Amino acid sequence: MKIPLGIHVGERLSLEQTYWQAELADTNGFESVWVAEGRLARDGIVPAAIIASRTRNVKIGTGVVNNKSRNAALMAVTFKTLDEVAPGRAILGIGAWWEPLATKVGEPLRKPVASMREYITVLQRFFSNEVVTFDGEFVTMDDVRFDSMYRENKPVDIPIYIGAVGPRMLELAGEISDGVHMDFLLPPSYLTGAREAIDRGVAKRTDGRTGIDLTQIVACSVNDDDPQEAIDACKAFLTLYLAQQPHIAEHCGVERELVDRIQEVAGWPATPSDIKRAMPLVPNHLVQNVTACGSTDDAFNKLLSYHEAGVRCPIISTLGEKEQTLTRLAQAAKG
C-alpha cells in the first residue's frame, strides 16, 4: 500500500458486516482491525475474539476498551487469551472512558491520567509474567500472576496503545505505552501539538525507546456518484459525537455555542431522528475538516493528509456506503 491502513468496526455495523470487513481487510493488505467499545451497545472483546479466529494476517486491537469496568488482572488474562487465539496479533487499545456515561454507571472519571498510569503499570507486569503486588490509589494487587495449572506460564507480547486526546494523556502514552490510538474527529492540524506532547513523554522513558506508534481513527464515507451523500453520512456522525461526547469539540475547532445548540435538539441518548433534526446546524466545511468524505479522491487525499501530519496508520471507520467506501479506499491505497 502507499500508506498502511487499518479498519475500525463498531456497533453501527451488524456482526455480519463486521466480519465481512475484517475478512476483506485480512485478504487485501490492511494492517489491522480495531474493535470499538463505547456506548452500552456491544462489547468489544467478543467480536475481537471472533475476528481473531476468522483471520490470519491482520492485527486485532480494541479501539478502545476502558480502564474502569474490568479489573486489571482480568484484562491481562483476557488479552493473554486473545493472544492464544491469534498469536502475536493482539493489541490492547485502552482509554479512560468518557462522561457522562462513566458517571451514569457509577464510575465517574477521577484523575484519569494517574489511574491510567497505575492500570497500565500493572498490565505490563502481568504481561511480563511477574508476580504482581501493587498498592495504588486506583489499582490494588496482592501477590498474583498468571497461574495456569496445565501449561507453562510465560511472558506474552501485548502492545498497549492509549486512546489519548488531551496533552497530559498523550504525554503519558509517550512515557509508558507502545502507541497512541487517537480518536475520531480531530483535524490533521491537531497532530502538531499531539506529537509534541507524545515526544515530551518519550523523553522520560527509561527503556531506551525513542518513539512510539501513532494511529488515528478517521471517519470515512465515499460516494463517487453523489459526494454530498457521503458528506452527509459523516455529518450525522459528527453531530452525534458533538451531542453525546462534547469533550471532542474543543479539539476539533467547534465552538461551545454550536455544541449547546445541538444538545438542545438532541437528548440523551440521542435517537436517529434527534440527530437528523440537529444536522442542519453543522456546516459542510466543519465535517470535511475532521473526516475523509466525498469522492474517492477527496477521501483518500484526506487520509494522506493525516499520514503526512504524523499518523503512521490511519484507521478507516466506514459510514454511508460502507462497501464502496472500504473497497475504493483499499484500491486507492494500493495505487
Protein backbone atom coordinates (compact mmCIF):
# COMPACT_ATOMS: atom_id res chain seq x y z
CA MET A 1 0.00 0.00 0.00
CA LYS A 2 1.01 3.64 -0.50
CA ILE A 3 0.29 4.09 3.20
CA PRO A 4 -0.62 1.49 5.82
CA LEU A 5 -4.31 1.41 6.65
CA GLY A 6 -6.43 -0.27 9.26
CA ILE A 7 -10.16 -0.51 9.73
CA HIS A 8 -12.33 0.30 12.74
CA VAL A 9 -15.51 -1.68 13.36
CA GLY A 10 -18.23 -0.85 15.84
CA GLU A 11 -21.87 -1.28 16.65
CA ARG A 12 -23.00 0.77 13.64
CA LEU A 13 -22.21 -2.39 11.67
CA SER A 14 -24.13 -5.62 12.00
CA LEU A 15 -21.99 -8.53 13.15
CA GLU A 16 -22.15 -9.93 9.62
CA GLN A 17 -20.83 -6.63 8.22
CA THR A 18 -18.17 -6.57 10.93
CA TYR A 19 -16.81 -9.98 9.99
CA TRP A 20 -17.02 -9.20 6.28
CA GLN A 21 -14.96 -6.05 6.74
CA ALA A 22 -12.40 -7.88 8.86
CA GLU A 23 -12.03 -10.67 6.31
CA LEU A 24 -11.73 -8.16 3.47
CA ALA A 25 -9.02 -6.35 5.41
CA ASP A 26 -7.21 -9.62 6.07
CA THR A 27 -7.02 -10.51 2.38
CA ASN A 28 -6.40 -7.02 0.94
CA GLY A 29 -3.26 -5.86 2.68
CA PHE A 30 -4.76 -3.89 5.56
CA GLU A 31 -2.57 -3.85 8.63
CA SER A 32 -5.10 -4.04 11.44
CA VAL A 33 -8.71 -4.28 12.57
CA TRP A 34 -9.78 -2.31 15.67
CA VAL A 35 -12.98 -3.17 17.52
CA ALA A 36 -14.85 -0.35 19.24
CA GLU A 37 -16.45 -0.44 22.65
CA GLY A 38 -18.17 2.81 23.57
CA ARG A 39 -21.85 3.17 24.32
CA LEU A 40 -23.71 0.41 26.15
CA ALA A 41 -24.45 -1.33 22.89
CA ARG A 42 -21.89 -4.04 22.14
CA ASP A 43 -18.91 -5.47 23.97
CA GLY A 44 -15.54 -5.17 22.19
CA ILE A 45 -13.87 -8.38 23.35
CA VAL A 46 -16.29 -10.93 21.90
CA PRO A 47 -16.14 -9.60 18.29
CA ALA A 48 -12.35 -9.21 18.59
CA ALA A 49 -12.01 -12.89 19.50
CA ILE A 50 -14.25 -13.99 16.63
CA ILE A 51 -12.32 -11.77 14.20
CA ALA A 52 -9.09 -13.27 15.52
CA SER A 53 -10.38 -16.77 14.77
CA ARG A 54 -11.53 -15.83 11.24
CA THR A 55 -8.36 -14.04 10.08
CA ARG A 56 -4.72 -14.95 9.59
CA ASN A 57 -2.80 -11.75 8.88
CA VAL A 58 -4.26 -8.60 10.38
CA LYS A 59 -3.53 -7.43 13.88
CA ILE A 60 -6.59 -7.19 16.12
CA GLY A 61 -6.89 -4.26 18.51
CA THR A 62 -9.54 -2.89 20.82
CA GLY A 63 -10.36 0.65 19.88
CA VAL A 64 -10.82 1.18 22.80
CA VAL A 65 -11.83 -0.63 25.99
CA ASN A 66 -11.75 1.34 29.24
CA ASN A 67 -9.76 1.06 32.45
CA LYS A 68 -12.79 1.35 34.75
CA SER A 69 -15.12 -1.58 34.10
CA ARG A 70 -12.65 -4.50 34.05
CA ASN A 71 -10.23 -5.40 36.80
CA ALA A 72 -6.64 -5.06 35.57
CA ALA A 73 -5.86 -8.72 36.27
CA LEU A 74 -8.89 -9.88 34.29
CA MET A 75 -7.93 -7.53 31.45
CA ALA A 76 -4.45 -9.05 31.37
CA VAL A 77 -5.87 -12.58 31.25
CA THR A 78 -8.34 -11.56 28.53
CA PHE A 79 -5.55 -10.39 26.24
CA LYS A 80 -3.35 -13.33 27.10
CA THR A 81 -6.26 -15.46 25.89
CA LEU A 82 -6.71 -13.39 22.75
CA ASP A 83 -3.02 -13.95 22.02
CA GLU A 84 -3.66 -17.70 22.21
CA VAL A 85 -6.33 -17.30 19.52
CA ALA A 86 -4.17 -15.08 17.29
CA PRO A 87 -0.52 -15.36 18.38
CA GLY A 88 1.38 -12.11 18.02
CA ARG A 89 -1.59 -10.22 16.60
CA ALA A 90 -3.42 -8.82 19.64
CA ILE A 91 -3.21 -5.13 20.61
CA LEU A 92 -4.73 -3.71 23.79
CA GLY A 93 -6.19 -0.31 22.96
CA ILE A 94 -7.36 1.29 26.19
CA GLY A 95 -8.87 4.65 27.16
CA ALA A 96 -10.20 6.46 30.19
CA TRP A 97 -13.88 6.15 29.22
CA TRP A 98 -15.94 9.31 28.85
CA GLU A 99 -18.56 11.41 30.52
CA PRO A 100 -21.42 11.45 31.16
CA LEU A 101 -21.54 7.67 30.65
CA ALA A 102 -18.94 6.89 33.31
CA THR A 103 -20.90 8.76 35.96
CA LYS A 104 -24.20 7.29 34.80
CA VAL A 105 -22.92 3.77 35.53
CA GLY A 106 -21.35 4.71 38.85
CA GLU A 107 -17.73 5.06 37.72
CA PRO A 108 -17.13 8.81 37.44
CA LEU A 109 -13.84 9.89 35.97
CA ARG A 110 -11.33 10.94 38.62
CA LYS A 111 -7.65 11.60 37.96
CA PRO A 112 -7.77 9.84 34.59
CA VAL A 113 -4.04 10.17 33.91
CA ALA A 114 -3.00 8.85 37.32
CA SER A 115 -5.44 5.95 37.15
CA MET A 116 -4.26 5.06 33.64
CA ARG A 117 -0.64 5.03 34.79
CA GLU A 118 -1.44 2.58 37.59
CA TYR A 119 -3.59 0.35 35.39
CA ILE A 120 -1.01 0.07 32.59
CA THR A 121 1.85 -0.46 35.04
CA VAL A 122 0.02 -3.48 36.45
CA LEU A 123 -0.88 -4.81 32.98
CA GLN A 124 2.74 -4.63 31.87
CA ARG A 125 3.85 -6.59 34.92
CA PHE A 126 1.30 -9.30 34.21
CA PHE A 127 2.37 -9.46 30.56
CA SER A 128 5.99 -9.85 31.73
CA ASN A 129 4.86 -12.89 33.75
CA GLU A 130 5.79 -11.26 37.05
CA VAL A 131 4.26 -11.84 40.45
CA VAL A 132 2.32 -8.61 40.92
CA THR A 133 1.90 -6.74 44.17
CA PHE A 134 0.70 -3.18 43.79
CA ASP A 135 -0.86 -0.79 46.28
CA GLY A 136 -2.09 2.21 44.34
CA GLU A 137 -4.83 4.77 44.66
CA PHE A 138 -6.86 3.08 41.91
CA VAL A 139 -5.40 -0.42 41.47
CA THR A 140 -4.52 -2.94 44.18
CA MET A 141 -2.95 -6.36 43.62
CA ASP A 142 -1.61 -8.76 46.24
CA ASP A 143 0.85 -11.44 45.12
CA VAL A 144 -0.93 -12.51 41.91
CA ARG A 145 0.26 -13.66 38.50
CA PHE A 146 -0.77 -15.75 35.51
CA ASP A 147 -1.39 -19.11 37.18
CA SER A 148 -2.34 -21.81 34.69
CA MET A 149 -2.02 -25.30 36.16
CA TYR A 150 -1.97 -27.03 32.75
CA ARG A 151 0.54 -25.14 30.64
CA GLU A 152 3.61 -23.04 31.13
CA ASN A 153 3.08 -19.51 32.38
CA LYS A 154 5.28 -17.25 30.32
CA PRO A 155 5.51 -13.64 29.16
CA VAL A 156 3.15 -12.52 26.43
CA ASP A 157 3.87 -9.71 23.98
CA ILE A 158 0.78 -7.48 24.01
CA PRO A 159 1.38 -3.91 22.77
CA ILE A 160 -0.62 -1.33 24.73
CA TYR A 161 -2.00 1.69 22.88
CA ILE A 162 -3.62 4.50 24.83
CA GLY A 163 -6.73 6.13 23.41
CA ALA A 164 -5.49 9.64 24.16
CA VAL A 165 -6.63 13.09 23.06
CA GLY A 166 -5.56 15.61 25.69
CA PRO A 167 -1.92 16.65 26.18
CA ARG A 168 -1.42 15.03 29.59
CA MET A 169 -2.71 11.64 28.46
CA LEU A 170 -0.69 11.92 25.24
CA GLU A 171 2.42 12.64 27.28
CA LEU A 172 1.72 9.62 29.49
CA ALA A 173 1.35 7.49 26.35
CA GLY A 174 4.75 8.62 25.15
CA GLU A 175 6.24 7.76 28.51
CA ILE A 176 4.83 4.28 29.21
CA SER A 177 2.91 2.80 26.25
CA ASP A 178 3.64 1.28 22.85
CA GLY A 179 1.41 3.59 20.87
CA VAL A 180 -1.43 6.08 20.69
CA HIS A 181 -4.80 5.25 19.19
CA MET A 182 -6.28 8.70 18.58
CA ASP A 183 -9.98 9.30 18.42
CA PHE A 184 -12.25 10.36 15.59
CA LEU A 185 -12.90 13.91 14.55
CA LEU A 186 -9.52 15.50 15.16
CA PRO A 187 -8.17 17.52 12.21
CA PRO A 188 -4.66 16.89 10.84
CA SER A 189 -3.59 20.22 12.35
CA TYR A 190 -4.22 18.77 15.81
CA LEU A 191 -1.31 16.39 15.28
CA THR A 192 1.31 19.12 15.72
CA GLY A 193 0.55 19.65 19.40
CA ALA A 194 -0.24 15.97 19.92
CA ARG A 195 3.15 14.85 18.66
CA GLU A 196 4.87 17.43 20.83
CA ALA A 197 3.08 16.04 23.89
CA ILE A 198 3.98 12.46 22.92
CA ASP A 199 7.62 13.47 22.45
CA ARG A 200 7.71 15.02 25.93
CA GLY A 201 6.64 11.67 27.30
CA VAL A 202 9.12 9.71 25.19
CA ALA A 203 11.90 11.87 26.62
CA LYS A 204 11.04 10.49 30.08
CA ARG A 205 11.35 6.83 29.10
CA THR A 206 13.93 4.65 30.79
CA ASP A 207 13.75 1.68 28.40
CA GLY A 208 15.77 3.21 25.56
CA ARG A 209 12.86 3.62 23.14
CA THR A 210 13.00 6.78 21.07
CA GLY A 211 9.42 6.81 19.83
CA ILE A 212 6.02 5.10 19.85
CA ASP A 213 3.47 4.28 17.20
CA LEU A 214 0.67 6.66 16.24
CA THR A 215 -2.63 5.53 14.76
CA GLN A 216 -5.84 7.52 14.38
CA ILE A 217 -9.42 6.58 13.63
CA VAL A 218 -10.78 8.57 10.68
CA ALA A 219 -14.47 8.54 9.84
CA CYS A 220 -14.72 7.89 6.08
CA SER A 221 -17.52 7.89 3.54
CA VAL A 222 -17.18 7.61 -0.23
CA ASN A 223 -19.82 8.07 -2.90
CA ASP A 224 -18.47 8.93 -6.33
CA ASP A 225 -21.99 9.33 -7.75
CA ASP A 226 -23.18 11.67 -5.00
CA PRO A 227 -20.33 13.11 -2.89
CA GLN A 228 -22.76 15.18 -0.80
CA GLU A 229 -24.46 12.00 0.34
CA ALA A 230 -21.09 10.82 1.63
CA ILE A 231 -20.53 14.15 3.38
CA ASP A 232 -23.96 13.87 4.99
CA ALA A 233 -23.10 10.41 6.34
CA CYS A 234 -20.10 11.89 8.14
CA LYS A 235 -22.13 14.94 9.17
CA ALA A 236 -24.62 12.71 11.00
CA PHE A 237 -21.75 11.02 12.82
CA LEU A 238 -20.12 14.32 13.80
CA THR A 239 -23.45 15.63 15.05
CA LEU A 240 -23.92 12.54 17.22
CA TYR A 241 -20.44 12.88 18.68
CA LEU A 242 -20.89 16.56 19.49
CA ALA A 243 -24.21 15.79 21.16
CA GLN A 244 -23.00 12.90 23.31
CA GLN A 245 -19.23 13.27 23.66
CA PRO A 246 -18.90 17.06 23.69
CA HIS A 247 -15.35 16.93 25.05
CA ILE A 248 -14.24 16.29 21.47
CA ALA A 249 -15.49 19.73 20.39
CA GLU A 250 -12.63 21.66 21.95
CA HIS A 251 -10.14 19.62 19.96
CA CYS A 252 -11.81 19.81 16.54
CA GLY A 253 -12.46 23.55 16.32
CA VAL A 254 -16.16 23.56 17.23
CA GLU A 255 -17.48 26.48 19.24
CA ARG A 256 -19.25 25.67 22.51
CA GLU A 257 -22.27 27.61 21.30
CA LEU A 258 -22.78 25.12 18.46
CA VAL A 259 -22.49 22.18 20.86
CA ASP A 260 -25.12 23.73 23.13
CA ARG A 261 -27.49 24.24 20.20
CA ILE A 262 -27.03 20.63 19.09
CA GLN A 263 -27.65 19.35 22.61
CA GLU A 264 -30.84 21.41 22.82
CA VAL A 265 -32.16 19.46 19.83
CA ALA A 266 -30.71 16.03 20.60
CA GLY A 267 -31.38 14.48 24.01
CA TRP A 268 -29.62 11.64 25.83
CA PRO A 269 -29.29 9.13 24.43
CA ALA A 270 -29.83 10.80 21.07
CA THR A 271 -32.10 8.97 18.64
CA PRO A 272 -31.56 8.88 14.86
CA SER A 273 -34.43 11.36 14.44
CA ASP A 274 -32.80 13.70 17.00
CA ILE A 275 -29.56 13.65 15.03
CA LYS A 276 -31.35 14.26 11.74
CA ARG A 277 -33.01 17.36 13.18
CA ALA A 278 -29.69 18.68 14.51
CA MET A 279 -27.61 18.00 11.36
CA PRO A 280 -28.50 21.27 9.55
CA LEU A 281 -26.67 23.13 12.32
CA VAL A 282 -23.34 21.60 11.20
CA PRO A 283 -21.71 23.12 8.08
CA ASN A 284 -20.00 21.03 5.38
CA HIS A 285 -16.60 22.66 5.89
CA LEU A 286 -16.52 21.55 9.52
CA VAL A 287 -17.34 17.97 8.51
CA GLN A 288 -14.65 17.90 5.81
CA ASN A 289 -12.07 19.28 8.24
CA VAL A 290 -12.31 16.26 10.55
CA THR A 291 -13.43 13.36 8.33
CA ALA A 292 -12.48 11.84 4.98
CA CYS A 293 -15.59 12.11 2.83
CA GLY A 294 -16.90 12.87 -0.64
CA SER A 295 -15.40 11.25 -3.72
CA THR A 296 -12.73 8.54 -3.54
CA ASP A 297 -10.05 11.11 -4.34
CA ASP A 298 -11.37 13.51 -1.71
CA ALA A 299 -11.37 10.84 0.98
CA PHE A 300 -8.02 9.31 0.13
CA ASN A 301 -6.31 12.70 -0.07
CA LYS A 302 -7.63 13.43 3.42
CA LEU A 303 -6.17 10.16 4.68
CA LEU A 304 -2.86 11.16 3.11
CA SER A 305 -3.01 14.48 4.96
CA TYR A 306 -3.32 12.62 8.27
CA HIS A 307 -0.38 10.40 7.32
CA GLU A 308 1.74 13.40 6.34
CA ALA A 309 0.87 15.07 9.67
CA GLY A 310 2.37 12.13 11.57
CA VAL A 311 -0.25 9.38 11.75
CA ARG A 312 1.64 6.28 10.66
CA CYS A 313 -1.50 4.24 10.09
CA PRO A 314 -4.92 5.88 9.58
CA ILE A 315 -7.75 3.61 10.75
CA ILE A 316 -10.81 3.77 8.48
CA SER A 317 -14.26 3.80 10.05
CA THR A 318 -16.79 3.41 7.26
CA LEU A 319 -20.02 5.41 7.15
CA GLY A 320 -22.72 5.68 4.49
CA GLU A 321 -21.99 3.37 1.56
CA LYS A 322 -19.74 1.11 3.61
CA GLU A 323 -18.80 -1.44 0.94
CA GLN A 324 -17.99 1.24 -1.63
CA THR A 325 -16.01 3.22 0.93
CA LEU A 326 -13.85 0.32 2.04
CA THR A 327 -13.21 -1.25 -1.35
CA ARG A 328 -12.41 2.01 -3.14
CA LEU A 329 -10.10 3.28 -0.42
CA ALA A 330 -8.35 -0.10 -0.40
CA GLN A 331 -7.80 0.23 -4.16
CA ALA A 332 -6.57 3.81 -3.81
CA ALA A 333 -4.13 2.83 -1.06
CA LYS A 334 -2.66 0.10 -3.26
CA GLY A 335 -2.05 2.67 -6.00
